[in-house]
Amino acid sequence: MKKLNRHKILSAACIAALPLLVVACLEFDGIIQPGRALTDSEIEVTAQLRVSPGEDGSGKVVFAVLAPKAWNLRDNATLYLTTKDYNAIQNQPEVVNEQLTLMPAEEKDPKNGLSWADSFMSVIGRGGNDPQTAMEWVVWRSSTKFIFDDKIEVDGQEVETADVHADVRIKMKTGAVPLTCELGYSYCYDTFGLKRDEQRFAEAFKPIETYNQVFTTTPSVFRYGDVFGITFSYGGTALKDAGEVYLCGTAIHDGGQKAEVSAAIPRNRMELISSRFEKYLYPKDFFGLPSDAVIEELYFYFINADGSIVVKDDENGGLEVLQHQKRRIF
């Protein structure tokens, strides 16, 4: 058995119960999840499951995710289950990309009579999340009833079985408001449910931060001859209290020559529109280039009125807009 930790949980009750009954032990081998993601964006998570078969190991898989209520995972998440060695170890057909279905609200956890969502919240809780962040467990179930026997018959002889592995692939959409929280993951059998002192379930928590996309352009791809728009979402940046924001940047043109705008002056002051700053420009005019210049790379960044606060994105000194574009921008 493996050591308990926050991201990989193996039921200690499994060990205690061994002299009386070989029970199925459930654990996570890992949770592959991004640590940061944009607001209003889709993320993918892979939960790696390991089941140590036992005499009582059968039932449909119940899988639950703890997330902010604002993410509305009931409508904004899909889950797919794939087994890796179920056939080889249990002599059962492999399950490939089976879409899990939402647990009906009227279904109850057989251990405590609570709805499954309430049972996960009662037994496992909300992790280390801020009490001010409304969180909820959303629950799905497999259509396949799994059989995990600790012994099977092979060529007339009874042999012990090894652990079975599976992945649950999760696609979910983040909410519109930036936040930092812990996402929770858990699974069990629908036939047994959740009870802390029996712990025939696995649990894991992983932190995530969501943030606004700081920098967008209109159009997203240059259309030559058009006015070009820059949008800066300042709320989650060092310029959130600046009051005034100025657009600066560098244009690489005509074989590596540089043109820069780096000072806070009236012509590059951005206009505050609701929760963002905007600036529309012709790139050649903005950088003071002649009409026949060929812009090859563009980088932009943002400063406050006295230049003491700068928001950049990458090692090139700004947020990249155009790179190695060997065409004219009129």
Protein backbone atom coordinates (compact mmCIF):
# COMPACT_ATOMS: atom_id res chain seq x y z
CA MET A 1 0.00 0.00 0.00
CA LYS A 2 1.15 3.50 -0.73
CA LYS A 3 1.57 6.35 1.73
CA LEU A 4 -1.35 8.74 2.12
CA ASN A 5 -0.99 12.26 0.82
CA ARG A 6 -3.24 15.10 -0.27
CA HIS A 7 -3.26 14.22 -3.95
CA LYS A 8 -3.23 10.45 -3.77
CA ILE A 9 -5.47 8.74 -1.25
CA LEU A 10 -5.64 5.05 -0.48
CA SER A 11 -8.17 3.87 2.06
CA ALA A 12 -6.58 2.99 5.38
CA ALA A 13 -9.77 1.07 6.14
CA CYS A 14 -8.78 -1.37 3.43
CA ILE A 15 -5.74 -2.35 5.46
CA ALA A 16 -7.68 -2.68 8.70
CA ALA A 17 -10.30 -4.87 7.08
CA LEU A 18 -7.90 -7.35 5.50
CA PRO A 19 -7.99 -10.01 8.27
CA LEU A 20 -11.80 -10.15 8.03
CA LEU A 21 -12.58 -9.46 4.40
CA VAL A 22 -10.62 -8.54 1.33
CA VAL A 23 -12.33 -5.33 0.23
CA ALA A 24 -11.73 -3.44 -2.95
CA CYS A 25 -9.36 -0.49 -2.43
CA LEU A 26 -9.78 2.62 -4.54
CA GLU A 27 -7.13 5.27 -5.12
CA PHE A 28 -5.90 7.92 -7.51
CA ASP A 29 -2.56 7.38 -9.17
CA GLY A 30 -2.62 11.01 -10.22
CA ILE A 31 -4.68 14.01 -11.26
CA ILE A 32 -3.39 15.76 -14.39
CA GLN A 33 -4.85 19.25 -14.17
CA PRO A 34 -3.62 22.72 -15.19
CA GLY A 35 -2.64 25.00 -12.34
CA ARG A 36 -3.78 28.13 -14.20
CA ALA A 37 -6.46 28.73 -16.81
CA LEU A 38 -8.26 31.59 -18.50
CA THR A 39 -11.72 32.56 -17.35
CA ASP A 40 -14.51 31.34 -19.64
CA SER A 41 -12.25 28.71 -21.17
CA GLU A 42 -12.36 24.94 -21.50
CA ILE A 43 -9.84 22.89 -19.56
CA GLU A 44 -9.09 19.18 -19.65
CA VAL A 45 -8.29 17.04 -16.62
CA THR A 46 -7.32 13.39 -16.49
CA ALA A 47 -7.97 11.45 -13.29
CA GLN A 48 -5.92 8.25 -13.13
CA LEU A 49 -7.79 5.55 -11.19
CA ARG A 50 -6.42 2.39 -9.60
CA VAL A 51 -8.64 -0.33 -8.17
CA SER A 52 -7.21 -3.12 -6.03
CA PRO A 53 -9.83 -5.87 -6.47
CA GLY A 54 -11.59 -7.38 -3.47
CA GLU A 55 -14.23 -9.97 -2.70
CA ASP A 56 -16.92 -7.29 -2.66
CA GLY A 57 -15.71 -5.15 -5.54
CA SER A 58 -18.54 -4.56 -7.93
CA GLY A 59 -20.90 -1.78 -8.94
CA LYS A 60 -21.20 1.23 -11.20
CA VAL A 61 -18.54 3.88 -10.83
CA VAL A 62 -19.72 7.10 -9.19
CA PHE A 63 -17.40 10.01 -10.00
CA ALA A 64 -17.68 13.46 -8.46
CA VAL A 65 -15.98 16.82 -9.02
CA LEU A 66 -15.90 19.69 -6.52
CA ALA A 67 -15.88 23.07 -8.31
CA PRO A 68 -17.19 26.62 -7.86
CA LYS A 69 -20.97 26.78 -8.25
CA ALA A 70 -20.50 29.61 -10.75
CA TRP A 71 -18.88 27.13 -13.14
CA ASN A 72 -22.18 25.24 -13.43
CA LEU A 73 -20.54 21.92 -14.22
CA ARG A 74 -23.89 20.21 -14.68
CA ASP A 75 -24.14 22.04 -17.99
CA ASN A 76 -20.47 22.74 -18.64
CA ALA A 77 -18.65 19.44 -18.11
CA THR A 78 -18.41 16.06 -19.82
CA LEU A 79 -16.66 12.99 -18.45
CA TYR A 80 -15.38 9.90 -20.27
CA LEU A 81 -14.18 6.65 -18.69
CA THR A 82 -11.62 4.33 -20.30
CA THR A 83 -10.21 1.18 -18.71
CA LYS A 84 -6.65 0.10 -19.48
CA ASP A 85 -6.31 -3.51 -18.35
CA TYR A 86 -9.81 -4.57 -17.28
CA ASN A 87 -9.93 -7.31 -19.91
CA ALA A 88 -6.48 -8.69 -19.18
CA ILE A 89 -6.95 -8.80 -15.41
CA GLN A 90 -10.68 -9.36 -14.89
CA ASN A 91 -11.49 -11.06 -18.20
CA GLN A 92 -14.17 -8.42 -18.82
CA PRO A 93 -14.62 -6.28 -21.94
CA GLU A 94 -12.60 -3.05 -21.91
CA VAL A 95 -14.59 0.15 -21.55
CA VAL A 96 -13.49 2.81 -24.02
CA ASN A 97 -14.60 6.45 -23.84
CA GLU A 98 -17.85 5.71 -22.06
CA GLN A 99 -19.54 9.02 -21.32
CA LEU A 100 -20.62 9.22 -17.71
CA THR A 101 -24.11 10.52 -17.04
CA LEU A 102 -25.24 12.98 -14.40
CA MET A 103 -26.50 11.31 -11.25
CA PRO A 104 -30.28 11.82 -10.99
CA ALA A 105 -31.18 14.17 -8.15
CA GLU A 106 -33.52 11.60 -6.58
CA GLU A 107 -30.77 8.96 -6.27
CA LYS A 108 -29.47 8.55 -2.71
CA ASP A 109 -26.20 7.36 -1.22
CA PRO A 110 -27.05 3.96 0.32
CA LYS A 111 -24.82 4.68 3.33
CA ASN A 112 -26.56 7.78 4.62
CA GLY A 113 -29.69 8.44 2.58
CA LEU A 114 -28.41 11.80 1.37
CA SER A 115 -28.40 12.86 -2.24
CA TRP A 116 -25.06 11.97 -3.78
CA ALA A 117 -23.97 15.61 -4.06
CA ASP A 118 -24.84 16.24 -0.39
CA SER A 119 -23.14 13.02 0.64
CA PHE A 120 -19.84 14.02 -1.01
CA MET A 121 -20.04 17.41 0.68
CA SER A 122 -20.87 15.85 4.05
CA VAL A 123 -18.24 13.10 3.98
CA ILE A 124 -15.39 14.66 2.00
CA GLY A 125 -16.12 18.37 2.41
CA ARG A 126 -14.88 21.39 0.49
CA GLY A 127 -11.11 20.96 0.88
CA GLY A 128 -9.10 24.07 1.68
CA ASN A 129 -11.39 26.44 -0.18
CA ASP A 130 -12.25 29.91 1.09
CA PRO A 131 -15.65 29.83 2.82
CA GLN A 132 -16.61 32.86 0.74
CA THR A 133 -16.31 30.82 -2.48
CA ALA A 134 -19.51 28.88 -3.12
CA MET A 135 -18.51 25.32 -4.01
CA GLU A 136 -20.50 22.25 -4.99
CA TRP A 137 -19.96 18.59 -5.74
CA VAL A 138 -21.37 17.49 -9.10
CA VAL A 139 -21.80 13.74 -9.52
CA TRP A 140 -21.80 11.39 -12.51
CA ARG A 141 -22.20 7.61 -12.85
CA SER A 142 -21.09 4.98 -15.33
CA SER A 143 -23.59 2.88 -17.24
CA THR A 144 -21.27 -0.11 -16.99
CA LYS A 145 -21.45 -2.21 -13.84
CA PHE A 146 -17.89 -3.21 -13.06
CA ILE A 147 -16.80 -6.47 -11.46
CA PHE A 148 -13.53 -6.44 -9.57
CA ASP A 149 -12.87 -9.89 -8.10
CA ASP A 150 -9.70 -10.55 -6.15
CA LYS A 151 -9.57 -14.05 -7.67
CA ILE A 152 -10.68 -15.42 -11.04
CA GLU A 153 -10.57 -18.84 -12.60
CA VAL A 154 -8.02 -19.37 -15.36
CA ASP A 155 -7.76 -22.77 -17.06
CA GLY A 156 -9.58 -24.39 -14.17
CA GLN A 157 -7.38 -22.81 -11.51
CA GLU A 158 -8.12 -19.91 -9.16
CA VAL A 159 -5.59 -17.10 -9.44
CA GLU A 160 -5.26 -13.78 -7.66
CA THR A 161 -5.85 -10.68 -9.74
CA ALA A 162 -3.75 -7.54 -10.03
CA ASP A 163 -4.80 -3.90 -9.81
CA VAL A 164 -6.98 -2.48 -12.56
CA HIS A 165 -6.29 0.95 -14.02
CA ALA A 166 -8.60 3.43 -15.73
CA ASP A 167 -8.69 7.08 -16.74
CA VAL A 168 -11.53 9.53 -16.37
CA ARG A 169 -11.11 12.34 -18.88
CA ILE A 170 -12.89 15.53 -17.86
CA LYS A 171 -13.67 18.52 -20.03
CA MET A 172 -15.02 21.49 -18.12
CA LYS A 173 -15.48 25.21 -18.60
CA THR A 174 -14.21 27.74 -16.10
CA GLY A 175 -16.35 30.62 -14.87
CA ALA A 176 -16.31 34.26 -15.90
CA VAL A 177 -14.83 35.63 -12.66
CA PRO A 178 -11.12 35.16 -11.80
CA LEU A 179 -10.54 33.10 -8.65
CA THR A 180 -8.22 30.73 -6.86
CA CYS A 181 -9.62 27.50 -5.46
CA GLU A 182 -9.08 23.78 -5.02
CA LEU A 183 -10.89 21.43 -7.36
CA GLY A 184 -11.87 18.15 -5.73
CA TYR A 185 -12.13 14.69 -7.26
CA SER A 186 -13.59 11.51 -5.78
CA TYR A 187 -15.00 8.16 -6.86
CA CYS A 188 -16.64 5.11 -5.35
CA TYR A 189 -19.12 2.33 -6.20
CA ASP A 190 -22.83 3.11 -6.24
CA THR A 191 -23.43 -0.12 -4.33
CA PHE A 192 -21.41 0.99 -1.29
CA GLY A 193 -21.49 4.75 -1.10
CA LEU A 194 -19.50 6.97 1.24
CA LYS A 195 -18.61 6.38 4.85
CA ARG A 196 -15.47 7.83 6.37
CA ASP A 197 -14.57 4.93 8.67
CA GLU A 198 -15.01 2.42 5.84
CA GLN A 199 -13.57 4.72 3.18
CA ARG A 200 -14.31 2.66 0.12
CA PHE A 201 -13.62 5.73 -1.97
CA ALA A 202 -10.72 7.86 -3.17
CA GLU A 203 -10.35 11.62 -2.87
CA ALA A 204 -7.94 14.24 -4.17
CA PHE A 205 -7.71 18.03 -4.32
CA LYS A 206 -5.72 20.17 -6.76
CA PRO A 207 -5.36 23.98 -6.75
CA ILE A 208 -6.21 26.12 -9.76
CA GLU A 209 -6.15 29.84 -10.51
CA THR A 210 -8.32 31.37 -13.22
CA TYR A 211 -7.50 34.76 -14.69
CA ASN A 212 -8.80 37.14 -17.30
CA GLN A 213 -7.14 37.27 -20.68
CA VAL A 214 -5.13 40.45 -20.26
CA PHE A 215 -4.52 41.20 -23.89
CA THR A 216 -6.74 40.80 -26.96
CA THR A 217 -6.72 42.29 -30.44
CA THR A 218 -9.38 43.22 -32.99
CA PRO A 219 -9.16 41.65 -35.47
CA SER A 220 -7.42 38.66 -33.90
CA VAL A 221 -5.49 38.26 -37.18
CA PHE A 222 -4.21 41.23 -39.15
CA ARG A 223 -6.28 42.25 -42.14
CA TYR A 224 -4.08 44.62 -44.00
CA GLY A 225 -5.45 48.13 -44.28
CA ASP A 226 -7.75 47.82 -41.25
CA VAL A 227 -7.60 49.80 -38.06
CA PHE A 228 -6.11 47.59 -35.35
CA GLY A 229 -7.63 47.41 -31.85
CA ILE A 230 -5.86 46.57 -28.57
CA THR A 231 -7.88 45.64 -25.47
CA PHE A 232 -6.30 45.44 -22.01
CA SER A 233 -8.23 43.83 -19.11
CA TYR A 234 -6.53 45.48 -16.17
CA GLY A 235 -8.50 44.04 -13.22
CA GLY A 236 -6.12 41.24 -12.29
CA THR A 237 -2.89 43.07 -13.09
CA ALA A 238 -0.50 45.46 -11.36
CA LEU A 239 -2.28 48.31 -13.19
CA LYS A 240 -5.66 47.63 -11.60
CA ASP A 241 -5.53 50.88 -9.58
CA ALA A 242 -3.56 53.00 -12.08
CA GLY A 243 -6.44 55.14 -13.29
CA GLU A 244 -4.66 55.85 -16.57
CA VAL A 245 -3.04 53.25 -18.83
CA TYR A 246 -0.78 53.85 -21.81
CA LEU A 247 -0.01 51.50 -24.68
CA CYS A 248 3.67 50.98 -25.48
CA GLY A 249 5.48 48.56 -27.73
CA THR A 250 8.12 47.63 -30.25
CA ALA A 251 7.87 47.07 -33.99
CA ILE A 252 10.54 45.04 -35.74
CA HIS A 253 10.62 46.05 -39.38
CA ASP A 254 12.61 45.96 -42.61
CA GLY A 255 15.22 43.36 -41.75
CA GLY A 256 15.42 43.72 -37.96
CA GLN A 257 15.18 47.48 -37.42
CA LYS A 258 13.36 48.55 -34.27
CA ALA A 259 10.83 51.30 -33.66
CA GLU A 260 9.65 51.83 -30.11
CA VAL A 261 6.98 53.70 -28.21
CA SER A 262 7.88 53.71 -24.52
CA ALA A 263 6.63 56.94 -22.94
CA ALA A 264 3.21 57.89 -21.53
CA ILE A 265 2.07 60.59 -23.92
CA PRO A 266 -1.44 61.66 -24.99
CA ARG A 267 -1.42 59.85 -28.35
CA ASN A 268 -0.92 56.41 -26.76
CA ARG A 269 -3.23 56.88 -23.81
CA MET A 270 -5.89 54.13 -23.75
CA GLU A 271 -9.60 54.76 -23.29
CA LEU A 272 -11.39 53.17 -20.33
CA ILE A 273 -14.45 51.23 -21.51
CA SER A 274 -16.26 49.45 -18.67
CA SER A 275 -13.77 46.93 -17.21
CA ARG A 276 -11.07 47.30 -19.85
CA PHE A 277 -8.87 49.81 -21.64
CA GLU A 278 -8.95 50.07 -25.43
CA LYS A 279 -6.87 51.68 -28.13
CA TYR A 280 -7.40 51.68 -31.90
CA LEU A 281 -4.48 52.47 -34.17
CA TYR A 282 -2.71 52.05 -37.48
CA PRO A 283 0.53 50.24 -36.52
CA LYS A 284 2.73 52.24 -38.90
CA ASP A 285 1.30 55.55 -37.67
CA PHE A 286 1.62 54.45 -34.04
CA PHE A 287 5.31 53.61 -34.45
CA GLY A 288 6.07 56.53 -36.79
CA LEU A 289 7.02 54.33 -39.73
CA PRO A 290 6.87 55.27 -43.41
CA SER A 291 4.06 53.89 -45.54
CA ASP A 292 6.37 51.47 -47.36
CA ALA A 293 7.79 49.91 -44.17
CA VAL A 294 7.45 46.14 -43.76
CA ILE A 295 6.60 45.21 -40.16
CA GLU A 296 7.94 41.77 -39.24
CA GLU A 297 7.20 41.53 -35.51
CA LEU A 298 5.03 43.49 -33.09
CA TYR A 299 5.10 43.54 -29.29
CA PHE A 300 2.92 45.61 -26.97
CA TYR A 301 2.92 46.31 -23.24
CA PHE A 302 1.17 48.66 -20.82
CA ILE A 303 2.34 51.30 -18.34
CA ASN A 304 0.86 53.83 -15.91
CA ALA A 305 1.20 57.61 -16.24
CA ASP A 306 4.70 57.89 -14.76
CA GLY A 307 6.01 54.59 -16.13
CA SER A 308 6.58 53.11 -12.67
CA ILE A 309 4.27 50.14 -13.31
CA VAL A 310 4.74 47.95 -16.38
CA VAL A 311 2.71 44.92 -17.46
CA LYS A 312 4.48 42.65 -19.93
CA ASP A 313 4.03 39.04 -20.90
CA ASP A 314 7.16 37.40 -22.27
CA GLU A 315 10.92 37.52 -22.45
CA ASN A 316 10.83 39.54 -25.68
CA GLY A 317 9.64 42.58 -23.77
CA GLY A 318 5.96 42.58 -24.49
CA LEU A 319 2.87 40.73 -25.59
CA GLU A 320 3.50 39.24 -28.99
CA VAL A 321 1.05 40.20 -31.74
CA LEU A 322 2.89 39.46 -34.97
CA GLN A 323 6.04 37.44 -35.46
CA HIS A 324 7.92 36.65 -38.66
CA GLN A 325 5.14 38.05 -40.82
CA LYS A 326 7.01 38.95 -43.99
CA ARG A 327 4.19 41.03 -45.45
CA ARG A 328 3.36 44.67 -45.36
CA ILE A 329 0.89 46.10 -42.90
CA PHE A 330 -0.67 49.09 -44.61
